[in-house]
Protein backbone atom coordinates (compact mmCIF):
# COMPACT_ATOMS: atom_id res chain seq x y z
CA UNK A 1 148.28 -3.88 56.52
CA UNK A 2 148.07 -3.05 52.89
CA UNK A 3 151.38 -3.60 50.76
CA UNK A 4 152.72 -0.51 51.03
CA UNK A 5 152.22 -0.14 54.61
CA UNK A 6 154.17 -3.26 54.88
CA UNK A 7 157.16 -1.93 52.78
CA UNK A 8 157.16 1.32 55.29
CA UNK A 9 156.94 -1.04 58.37
CA UNK A 10 160.22 -2.82 57.55
CA UNK A 11 162.66 -0.27 58.01
CA UNK A 12 165.04 -2.02 60.09
CA UNK A 13 167.48 -2.26 57.46
CA UNK A 14 167.64 1.07 56.61
CA UNK A 15 170.99 2.54 57.65
CA UNK A 16 169.05 6.45 57.78
CA UNK A 17 165.76 7.49 58.89
CA UNK A 18 163.20 7.03 56.70
CA UNK A 19 161.28 10.45 55.02
CA UNK A 20 159.46 12.77 56.52
CA UNK A 21 155.91 13.28 54.34
CA UNK A 22 154.07 11.14 51.69
CA UNK A 23 155.40 8.92 49.08
CA UNK A 24 154.92 10.22 45.58
CA UNK A 25 155.62 6.89 43.37
CA UNK A 26 155.57 3.28 43.71
CA UNK A 27 157.53 1.42 41.15
CA UNK A 28 158.62 -2.82 41.19
CA UNK A 29 162.06 -3.20 40.04
CA UNK A 30 162.01 -7.32 39.36
CA UNK A 31 164.23 -9.84 38.06
CA UNK A 32 167.71 -7.77 38.59
CA UNK A 33 170.67 -8.96 37.64
CA UNK A 34 173.39 -7.30 39.17
CA UNK A 35 177.17 -6.85 37.88
CA UNK A 36 179.81 -5.07 39.80
CA UNK A 37 183.57 -3.60 38.58
CA UNK A 38 186.15 -2.25 40.75
CA UNK A 39 186.84 0.71 39.29
CA UNK A 40 189.95 3.35 40.01
CA UNK A 41 188.37 6.70 41.90
CA UNK A 42 190.30 8.85 39.40
CA UNK A 43 188.42 7.29 36.06
CA UNK A 44 185.07 8.25 38.33
CA UNK A 45 185.93 11.89 39.41
CA UNK A 46 185.95 12.56 35.66
CA UNK A 47 182.23 11.91 35.64
CA UNK A 48 180.80 12.68 38.80
CA UNK A 49 180.89 16.65 39.85
CA UNK A 50 183.07 17.40 42.82
CA UNK A 51 180.13 18.46 45.00
CA UNK A 52 179.06 14.20 44.81
CA UNK A 53 181.44 12.30 47.10
CA UNK A 54 182.37 9.24 45.92
CA UNK A 55 181.87 6.49 48.40
CA UNK A 56 184.26 3.48 48.82
CA UNK A 57 184.73 0.48 50.62
CA UNK A 58 187.91 -0.26 52.00
CA UNK A 59 189.98 1.76 50.05
CA UNK A 60 187.52 0.66 46.28
CA UNK A 61 185.43 2.40 44.15
CA UNK A 62 182.70 0.46 42.10
CA UNK A 63 180.67 1.08 39.21
CA UNK A 64 177.78 -1.55 38.59
CA UNK A 65 175.39 -2.41 35.77
CA UNK A 66 171.89 -2.85 36.93
CA UNK A 67 169.78 -5.28 34.01
CA UNK A 68 166.03 -5.56 35.40
CA UNK A 69 162.24 -5.14 34.18
CA UNK A 70 160.75 -1.74 35.78
CA UNK A 71 157.17 -2.71 36.48
CA UNK A 72 153.74 -0.95 37.64
CA UNK A 73 155.32 2.34 37.94
CA UNK A 74 152.75 5.21 38.94
CA UNK A 75 152.43 8.63 40.99
CA UNK A 76 150.59 8.39 43.99
CA UNK A 77 146.76 7.52 44.24
CA UNK A 78 146.83 6.75 39.81
CA UNK A 79 146.71 3.43 38.82
CA UNK A 80 149.88 2.14 36.44
CA UNK A 81 149.71 1.70 32.81
CA UNK A 82 151.62 -1.23 31.53
CA UNK A 83 152.22 -0.23 28.11
CA UNK A 84 154.27 3.52 30.09
CA UNK A 85 155.05 1.79 33.19
CA UNK A 86 156.46 -1.91 32.53
CA UNK A 87 159.99 -1.93 30.63
CA UNK A 88 163.22 -3.56 30.53
CA UNK A 89 165.78 -0.88 32.03
CA UNK A 90 170.07 -1.06 32.02
CA UNK A 91 171.81 1.61 34.47
CA UNK A 92 175.07 1.92 34.75
CA UNK A 93 175.50 3.65 38.35
CA UNK A 94 178.11 4.57 40.80
CA UNK A 95 178.32 5.04 44.61
CA UNK A 96 177.59 8.17 46.46
CA UNK A 97 177.38 9.73 50.22
CA UNK A 98 176.74 13.12 50.88
CA UNK A 99 175.32 14.18 54.18
CA UNK A 100 175.79 10.86 55.54
CA UNK A 101 173.67 8.85 53.10
CA UNK A 102 174.38 6.28 50.91
CA UNK A 103 173.53 6.52 47.44
CA UNK A 104 173.76 5.86 43.94
CA UNK A 105 174.24 7.90 40.88
CA UNK A 106 173.50 7.25 37.34
CA UNK A 107 176.41 7.33 34.93
CA UNK A 108 173.72 5.96 32.52
CA UNK A 109 170.06 4.89 31.98
CA UNK A 110 168.60 2.94 29.42
CA UNK A 111 165.10 1.72 28.54
CA UNK A 112 163.43 -0.33 26.23
CA UNK A 113 160.45 1.73 25.20
CA UNK A 114 160.69 5.26 23.64
CA UNK A 115 157.63 6.58 25.62
CA UNK A 116 158.61 5.69 28.52
CA UNK A 117 162.13 6.91 28.23
CA UNK A 118 160.67 9.78 27.29
CA UNK A 119 157.90 10.37 30.39
CA UNK A 120 160.27 8.79 33.05
CA UNK A 121 163.31 11.88 31.69
CA UNK A 122 160.54 14.20 32.37
CA UNK A 123 158.92 13.37 35.21
CA UNK A 124 161.90 12.46 36.97
CA UNK A 125 164.84 14.57 35.08
CA UNK A 126 167.08 11.29 35.11
CA UNK A 127 168.40 10.47 31.56
CA UNK A 128 166.83 7.90 30.47
CA UNK A 129 166.95 7.06 26.56
CA UNK A 130 165.77 4.59 24.90
CA UNK A 131 168.17 1.44 24.07
CA UNK A 132 167.35 -2.04 22.16
CA UNK A 133 166.45 -4.35 24.86
CA UNK A 134 164.97 -8.08 25.01
CA UNK A 135 165.01 -9.98 28.09
CA UNK A 136 164.14 -13.54 29.18
CA UNK A 137 164.11 -14.99 32.44
CA UNK A 138 167.92 -15.88 31.92
CA UNK A 139 168.91 -13.71 28.96
CA UNK A 140 169.29 -10.23 28.27
CA UNK A 141 170.31 -8.46 25.73
CA UNK A 142 170.59 -4.85 24.75
CA UNK A 143 172.09 -2.31 21.96
CA UNK A 144 172.18 0.80 22.27
CA UNK A 145 173.11 2.20 18.65
CA UNK A 146 173.66 6.19 19.71
CA UNK A 147 176.32 5.60 22.10
CA UNK A 148 177.82 2.01 20.66
CA UNK A 149 176.96 0.42 24.11
CA UNK A 150 175.89 -3.78 24.23
CA UNK A 151 175.31 -6.21 26.53
CA UNK A 152 174.38 -9.40 25.67
CA UNK A 153 174.94 -12.13 28.36
CA UNK A 154 173.07 -15.45 29.66
CA UNK A 155 172.90 -16.41 32.94
CA UNK A 156 172.38 -19.18 35.62
CA UNK A 157 170.23 -18.18 38.89
CA UNK A 158 172.01 -20.11 41.75
CA UNK A 159 171.12 -20.24 45.71
CA UNK A 160 170.14 -17.17 47.89
CA UNK A 161 172.74 -15.37 49.51
CA UNK A 162 171.87 -16.01 53.37
CA UNK A 163 175.02 -14.23 55.00
CA UNK A 164 175.55 -11.72 53.13
CA UNK A 165 179.25 -9.87 53.06
CA UNK A 166 179.83 -6.16 53.91
CA UNK A 167 180.34 -5.79 50.38
CA UNK A 168 177.04 -7.53 49.04
CA UNK A 169 175.21 -4.88 51.20
CA UNK A 170 177.47 -2.04 50.69
CA UNK A 171 176.18 -2.31 46.99
CA UNK A 172 172.96 -3.05 46.99
CA UNK A 173 171.26 -1.43 50.09
CA UNK A 174 171.03 2.27 48.76
CA UNK A 175 168.20 4.35 49.80
CA UNK A 176 168.29 7.27 47.64
CA UNK A 177 169.63 8.19 44.45
CA UNK A 178 171.61 11.79 43.75
CA UNK A 179 170.76 13.87 40.25
CA UNK A 180 172.71 16.71 39.15
CA UNK A 181 170.24 18.74 36.64
CA UNK A 182 171.16 22.41 35.54
CA UNK A 183 173.90 22.77 37.71
CA UNK A 184 171.56 21.55 40.25
CA UNK A 185 171.77 18.90 42.19
CA UNK A 186 169.00 16.67 44.10
CA UNK A 187 168.51 13.65 46.02
CA UNK A 188 165.62 11.29 45.78
CA UNK A 189 164.80 9.74 48.90
CA UNK A 190 163.60 5.84 48.63
CA UNK A 191 162.50 2.93 50.60
CA UNK A 192 161.87 -0.94 50.15
CA UNK A 193 162.33 -4.26 51.82
CA UNK A 194 166.13 -5.16 52.17
CA UNK A 195 166.89 -6.91 48.63
CA UNK A 196 167.07 -10.60 48.65
CA UNK A 197 170.07 -11.56 46.53
CA UNK A 198 171.30 -15.10 44.87
CA UNK A 199 174.61 -15.92 44.03
CA UNK A 200 174.74 -15.93 39.70
CA UNK A 201 176.73 -18.18 37.14
CA UNK A 202 177.77 -15.98 33.84
CA UNK A 203 177.20 -18.69 31.18
CA UNK A 204 178.08 -15.80 28.48
CA UNK A 205 178.69 -12.21 28.86
CA UNK A 206 179.46 -9.69 25.93
CA UNK A 207 179.64 -5.91 26.92
CA UNK A 208 180.63 -2.73 25.44
CA UNK A 209 180.19 0.69 27.99
CA UNK A 210 182.73 3.06 27.43
CA UNK A 211 181.95 6.31 29.18
CA UNK A 212 185.48 8.80 29.34
CA UNK A 213 188.38 6.55 30.48
CA UNK A 214 185.75 4.23 32.17
CA UNK A 215 185.85 1.03 29.65
CA UNK A 216 183.87 -1.56 30.99
CA UNK A 217 184.35 -5.06 28.46
CA UNK A 218 185.36 -8.30 30.68
CA UNK A 219 184.01 -9.73 33.16
CA UNK A 220 182.88 -8.00 36.66
CA UNK A 221 184.30 -8.65 39.86
CA UNK A 222 181.18 -9.64 41.58
CA UNK A 223 177.58 -10.47 40.29
CA UNK A 224 174.39 -10.74 41.80
CA UNK A 225 170.69 -11.93 41.02
CA UNK A 226 167.29 -10.66 42.70
CA UNK A 227 163.54 -11.66 42.21
CA UNK A 228 163.35 -7.78 42.64
CA UNK A 229 161.94 -5.25 45.08
CA UNK A 230 158.56 -2.95 45.50
CA UNK A 231 159.68 0.70 46.11
CA UNK A 232 158.33 4.04 46.94
CA UNK A 233 159.57 7.11 46.34
CA UNK A 234 159.94 10.78 47.76
CA UNK A 235 159.97 14.05 45.91
CA UNK A 236 163.43 15.40 45.15
CA UNK A 237 164.72 17.69 47.45
CA UNK A 238 167.99 19.89 46.59
CA UNK A 239 170.87 19.43 48.01
């Protein structure tokens, strides 16, 4: 069994059926820092179309900032090219459930490389843009001059979370993403093994992400770290 067959074989953790047909993209989301905030759903509603149902847990809506390294992204049957395929990324996302499929919706996506951002935007339709990003194993720094967004964090990776709470799974185990493009709505189905998450201590955190009335400048309600997952994705479908 090769690596991708192994990914596709591990499906018990999925909340809904794996897609039919062939996957079309492979990618790795590595060394991921997750920062999660509870936010008033009314603020999110201003940023998310009424056609997408904002998902909540126990009445609470969330946004998450995920800072990680994208690696080896490639189309099916083609090799990855590291100067395009490998780059640091930061996405700001909230949580959607349409057609009984829990997924994510990106409020903002930033990439370390201009070329990578351009190609990803053209191929996926996702709103990638360039930001000045640098990272080490335990530090992440980004400055988006166009939007006056920034992140500067230093963190310590702790032990594996062996007993995940419902919220841990709700925030991480998402197997599709939603996209609005030219007033049309799409869903990308994805699959990967279950996230192995670790506790993390934030030694330093300075950030500023302001979109409309969403104002992320303070410590998150919850944080996770993961070594990463290997991901396959299918062609988007109109919803």
